[in-house]
């Protein structure tokens, strides 16, 4: 691709400047990488119901 060659070319129709701007804006937004989702944290209430021992649920019902 040379420096004089356009990145986009209108093949049919005569778009207005606003239509071209909307198209370029949509292409720019779609080409950006999606942000990574934020890690979810477990609430203290949910953590309190989980067994703390390494054996997990197997030893949860045993007397301490």
C-alpha atoms as a PDB file:
ATOM      1  CA  UNK A   1       0.000   0.000   0.000  1.00  0.00           C
ATOM      2  CA  UNK A   2       1.512   3.305  -1.057  1.00  0.00           C
ATOM      3  CA  UNK A   3       1.240   6.586   0.821  1.00  0.00           C
ATOM      4  CA  UNK A   4      -1.069   8.024  -1.861  1.00  0.00           C
ATOM      5  CA  UNK A   5      -3.497   5.086  -1.813  1.00  0.00           C
ATOM      6  CA  UNK A   6      -6.560   5.780   0.408  1.00  0.00           C
ATOM      7  CA  UNK A   7      -7.438   3.458   3.272  1.00  0.00           C
ATOM      8  CA  UNK A   8     -11.156   3.605   2.412  1.00  0.00           C
ATOM      9  CA  UNK A   9     -12.839   3.966  -0.938  1.00  0.00           C
ATOM     10  CA  UNK A  10     -16.490   4.698  -1.703  1.00  0.00           C
ATOM     11  CA  UNK A  11     -17.567   2.232  -4.368  1.00  0.00           C
ATOM     12  CA  UNK A  12     -21.165   3.326  -4.862  1.00  0.00           C
ATOM     13  CA  UNK A  13     -23.131   6.424  -3.914  1.00  0.00           C
ATOM     14  CA  UNK A  14     -22.104   9.859  -2.735  1.00  0.00           C
ATOM     15  CA  UNK A  15     -21.871   9.927   1.066  1.00  0.00           C
ATOM     16  CA  UNK A  16     -21.930  13.216   2.937  1.00  0.00           C
ATOM     17  CA  UNK A  17     -19.089  14.299   5.186  1.00  0.00           C
ATOM     18  CA  UNK A  18     -21.202  13.333   8.225  1.00  0.00           C
ATOM     19  CA  UNK A  19     -21.818   9.834   6.844  1.00  0.00           C
ATOM     20  CA  UNK A  20     -18.111   9.322   6.182  1.00  0.00           C
ATOM     21  CA  UNK A  21     -17.272  10.585   9.671  1.00  0.00           C
ATOM     22  CA  UNK A  22     -19.778   8.131  11.183  1.00  0.00           C
ATOM     23  CA  UNK A  23     -18.280   5.277   9.168  1.00  0.00           C
ATOM     24  CA  UNK A  24     -14.717   6.130  10.191  1.00  0.00           C
ATOM     25  CA  UNK A  25     -15.805   6.458  13.827  1.00  0.00           C
ATOM     26  CA  UNK A  26     -17.488   3.046  13.741  1.00  0.00           C
ATOM     27  CA  UNK A  27     -14.415   1.432  12.200  1.00  0.00           C
ATOM     28  CA  UNK A  28     -12.128   2.993  14.822  1.00  0.00           C
ATOM     29  CA  UNK A  29     -14.329   1.819  17.692  1.00  0.00           C
ATOM     30  CA  UNK A  30     -14.550  -1.713  16.298  1.00  0.00           C
ATOM     31  CA  UNK A  31     -10.782  -1.962  15.756  1.00  0.00           C
ATOM     32  CA  UNK A  32      -9.905  -1.194  19.385  1.00  0.00           C
ATOM     33  CA  UNK A  33      -9.249  -4.195  21.616  1.00  0.00           C
ATOM     34  CA  UNK A  34     -11.957  -4.898  24.158  1.00  0.00           C
ATOM     35  CA  UNK A  35     -10.998  -4.019  27.732  1.00  0.00           C
ATOM     36  CA  UNK A  36     -10.346  -6.943  30.031  1.00  0.00           C
ATOM     37  CA  UNK A  37     -13.225  -7.634  32.386  1.00  0.00           C
ATOM     38  CA  UNK A  38     -12.630  -6.561  35.955  1.00  0.00           C
ATOM     39  CA  UNK A  39     -11.984  -9.476  38.290  1.00  0.00           C
ATOM     40  CA  UNK A  40     -14.960 -10.205  40.465  1.00  0.00           C
ATOM     41  CA  UNK A  41     -14.451 -10.291  44.196  1.00  0.00           C
ATOM     42  CA  UNK A  42     -16.289 -12.622  46.493  1.00  0.00           C
ATOM     43  CA  UNK A  43     -18.227 -10.965  49.273  1.00  0.00           C
ATOM     44  CA  UNK A  44     -17.345 -11.623  52.906  1.00  0.00           C
ATOM     45  CA  UNK A  45     -20.782 -13.206  53.366  1.00  0.00           C
ATOM     46  CA  UNK A  46     -20.116 -15.768  50.626  1.00  0.00           C
ATOM     47  CA  UNK A  47     -16.608 -16.486  51.922  1.00  0.00           C
ATOM     48  CA  UNK A  48     -17.945 -17.093  55.436  1.00  0.00           C
ATOM     49  CA  UNK A  49     -19.975 -20.074  54.221  1.00  0.00           C
ATOM     50  CA  UNK A  50     -17.013 -21.826  52.670  1.00  0.00           C
ATOM     51  CA  UNK A  51     -14.865 -24.258  54.625  1.00  0.00           C
ATOM     52  CA  UNK A  52     -11.453 -22.835  55.415  1.00  0.00           C
ATOM     53  CA  UNK A  53      -9.583 -26.140  55.577  1.00  0.00           C
ATOM     54  CA  UNK A  54      -7.589 -27.441  52.620  1.00  0.00           C
ATOM     55  CA  UNK A  55      -9.731 -30.604  52.545  1.00  0.00           C
ATOM     56  CA  UNK A  56     -12.712 -28.402  51.739  1.00  0.00           C
ATOM     57  CA  UNK A  57     -16.270 -29.675  51.906  1.00  0.00           C
ATOM     58  CA  UNK A  58     -15.247 -33.206  52.942  1.00  0.00           C
ATOM     59  CA  UNK A  59     -14.244 -32.076  56.405  1.00  0.00           C
ATOM     60  CA  UNK A  60     -16.847 -29.357  56.784  1.00  0.00           C
ATOM     61  CA  UNK A  61     -19.314 -31.625  58.575  1.00  0.00           C
ATOM     62  CA  UNK A  62     -16.796 -33.251  60.890  1.00  0.00           C
ATOM     63  CA  UNK A  63     -16.494 -32.111  64.508  1.00  0.00           C
ATOM     64  CA  UNK A  64     -13.627 -29.732  65.195  1.00  0.00           C
END
